[in-house]
Protein backbone atom coordinates (compact mmCIF):
# COMPACT_ATOMS: atom_id res chain seq x y z
CA MET A 1 79.81 172.08 20.58
CA ARG A 2 82.23 173.96 18.32
CA ILE A 3 85.17 171.72 17.46
CA ALA A 4 88.26 172.76 15.51
CA VAL A 5 89.88 169.89 13.60
CA GLY A 6 93.14 169.58 11.76
CA ALA A 7 95.65 167.07 10.48
CA ASP A 8 98.85 166.66 8.58
CA HIS A 9 99.14 164.47 5.50
CA ALA A 10 99.42 161.30 7.61
CA GLY A 11 96.23 162.05 9.51
CA TYR A 12 94.01 163.81 7.01
CA GLN A 13 91.93 160.72 6.12
CA MET A 14 91.25 159.86 9.77
CA LYS A 15 90.52 163.54 10.48
CA ASP A 16 87.96 163.60 7.67
CA GLU A 17 86.24 160.47 8.99
CA LEU A 18 86.14 161.81 12.56
CA ALA A 19 84.96 165.24 11.40
CA ALA A 20 82.08 163.61 9.49
CA TYR A 21 81.13 161.72 12.64
CA LEU A 22 81.21 164.96 14.66
CA VAL A 23 78.94 166.69 12.15
CA ASP A 24 76.55 163.70 12.26
CA GLN A 25 76.46 164.10 16.05
CA GLY A 26 75.38 167.74 15.68
CA HIS A 27 78.69 169.46 16.39
CA ASP A 28 79.83 172.58 14.56
CA VAL A 29 83.13 171.57 12.97
CA GLN A 30 85.73 174.00 11.68
CA ASP A 31 88.30 172.17 9.54
CA PHE A 32 91.79 173.69 9.40
CA GLY A 33 93.06 171.13 6.90
CA THR A 34 94.99 169.56 5.43
CA PHE A 35 92.83 168.11 2.71
CA SER A 36 95.12 165.67 0.90
CA ALA A 37 98.06 163.31 1.31
CA ASP A 38 100.42 166.01 0.04
CA SER A 39 103.13 166.67 2.60
CA VAL A 40 102.53 169.56 5.01
CA ASP A 41 104.26 170.69 8.16
CA TYR A 42 102.24 169.51 11.17
CA PRO A 43 103.27 172.47 13.38
CA ASP A 44 101.35 174.88 11.16
CA VAL A 45 98.10 172.89 11.29
CA ALA A 46 98.40 172.13 15.02
CA LEU A 47 98.97 175.81 15.75
CA ARG A 48 95.83 176.87 13.85
CA VAL A 49 93.67 174.39 15.79
CA ALA A 50 95.23 175.26 19.15
CA ARG A 51 94.82 179.00 18.57
CA ALA A 52 91.15 178.54 17.69
CA VAL A 53 90.61 176.82 21.03
CA ALA A 54 92.72 179.32 23.00
CA LEU A 55 90.91 182.28 21.46
CA GLY A 56 87.49 180.80 22.19
CA GLU A 57 86.62 180.32 18.53
CA ALA A 58 86.20 176.60 19.30
CA ASP A 59 85.23 174.79 22.48
CA ARG A 60 87.54 171.87 21.78
CA GLY A 61 90.11 170.77 19.25
CA LEU A 62 91.08 167.55 17.51
CA ILE A 63 94.42 167.12 15.75
CA VAL A 64 95.56 164.00 13.92
CA CYS A 65 99.08 163.32 12.67
CA GLY A 66 101.16 160.19 12.19
CA THR A 67 101.86 159.58 15.88
CA GLY A 68 100.11 162.47 17.61
CA ILE A 69 103.36 163.35 19.35
CA GLY A 70 104.42 166.35 17.30
CA THR A 71 101.00 167.92 17.22
CA SER A 72 100.58 167.54 20.98
CA ILE A 73 103.93 169.24 21.55
CA VAL A 74 102.97 172.15 19.31
CA ALA A 75 99.45 172.54 20.69
CA ASN A 76 100.75 172.66 24.25
CA LYS A 77 102.93 175.65 23.35
CA VAL A 78 99.76 177.74 23.05
CA ARG A 79 98.74 179.41 26.31
CA GLY A 80 95.43 178.02 27.54
CA VAL A 81 95.64 174.77 25.62
CA ARG A 82 95.83 171.45 27.41
CA ALA A 83 96.41 168.96 24.61
CA ALA A 84 96.34 165.26 25.41
CA LEU A 85 97.78 162.53 23.22
CA CYS A 86 95.58 159.49 23.75
CA HIS A 87 95.79 155.95 22.40
CA ASP A 88 93.06 154.42 24.59
CA THR A 89 89.68 155.34 26.01
CA PHE A 90 90.83 155.35 29.64
CA SER A 91 93.46 158.01 28.95
CA ALA A 92 90.92 160.02 26.96
CA ARG A 93 88.43 160.05 29.84
CA MET A 94 91.12 160.90 32.39
CA ALA A 95 92.46 163.70 30.18
CA ARG A 96 89.06 165.35 30.42
CA GLN A 97 88.12 164.42 33.99
CA HIS A 98 91.41 165.20 35.69
CA ASN A 99 93.19 167.61 33.33
CA ASP A 100 90.33 169.45 31.61
CA SER A 101 91.96 168.70 28.27
CA ASN A 102 90.61 170.90 25.52
CA VAL A 103 92.54 169.44 22.57
CA LEU A 104 92.75 165.76 21.68
CA CYS A 105 95.70 164.51 19.63
CA LEU A 106 95.62 161.17 17.85
CA GLY A 107 98.16 159.16 15.87
CA ALA A 108 96.75 157.75 12.64
CA ARG A 109 99.76 155.44 12.26
CA VAL A 110 99.36 154.21 15.84
CA ILE A 111 95.64 153.47 16.15
CA GLY A 112 92.97 152.44 13.69
CA PRO A 113 89.81 154.32 12.76
CA ALA A 114 87.48 152.30 15.00
CA LEU A 115 89.62 152.90 18.09
CA ALA A 116 90.05 156.57 17.15
CA LEU A 117 86.27 156.94 17.12
CA GLU A 118 85.98 155.24 20.52
CA ILE A 119 88.67 157.52 21.96
CA LEU A 120 87.06 160.65 20.55
CA THR A 121 83.66 159.59 21.89
CA ALA A 122 85.09 158.88 25.36
CA TRP A 123 86.93 162.21 25.40
CA LEU A 124 83.91 164.21 24.31
CA GLY A 125 81.62 162.42 26.73
CA ALA A 126 83.76 162.95 29.81
CA GLY A 127 83.44 166.07 31.91
CA PHE A 128 85.98 167.85 34.04
CA GLU A 129 85.74 166.95 37.73
CA ALA A 130 85.82 170.56 38.88
CA GLY A 131 86.78 171.41 42.41
CA GLY A 132 89.35 169.90 44.69
CA ARG A 133 92.72 168.68 43.59
CA HIS A 134 91.99 168.54 39.85
CA GLU A 135 90.86 172.14 39.64
CA ARG A 136 93.81 173.24 41.77
CA ARG A 137 96.23 171.44 39.44
CA VAL A 138 94.71 172.81 36.25
CA ARG A 139 94.85 176.30 37.78
CA ARG A 140 98.54 175.69 38.57
CA ILE A 141 99.17 174.76 34.93
CA ALA A 142 97.71 178.13 33.91
CA GLU A 143 99.93 179.88 36.45
CA LEU A 144 103.00 178.12 35.05
CA GLU A 145 102.17 179.43 31.61
CA GLU A 146 102.57 182.93 33.00
CA GLU A 147 105.87 182.12 34.76
CA VAL A 148 107.81 180.65 31.87
């Protein structure tokens, strides 16, 4: 799977650790930075990751910032992106199964590295439950993007 990753200064270390895990698992990882603890504006990084997913350059995206809140807000501004901020494995699975989430946002100041890895693994391992109410709702989200 092609996975775009990115982080701000608060999340870059966790992003690097998760990206290394993804590579070890055989995924093709495209890293949009940042690459140090030097302050950067999270909207810029989140936008690059979200656009890569929306344009089909990546199958999924992972963005890490301090809380995950700001990056999830930014990513969800991009048409075609369904970013989910997750702090537990249940939410991560449901984000994929019910919402067909294609970008995962994590907060490095909220969760630790071990839990982040569990969340990422749960999110990647879950599939969208296509058909029925979930597919209808995801389709409606896409329609709303055209209306607003």
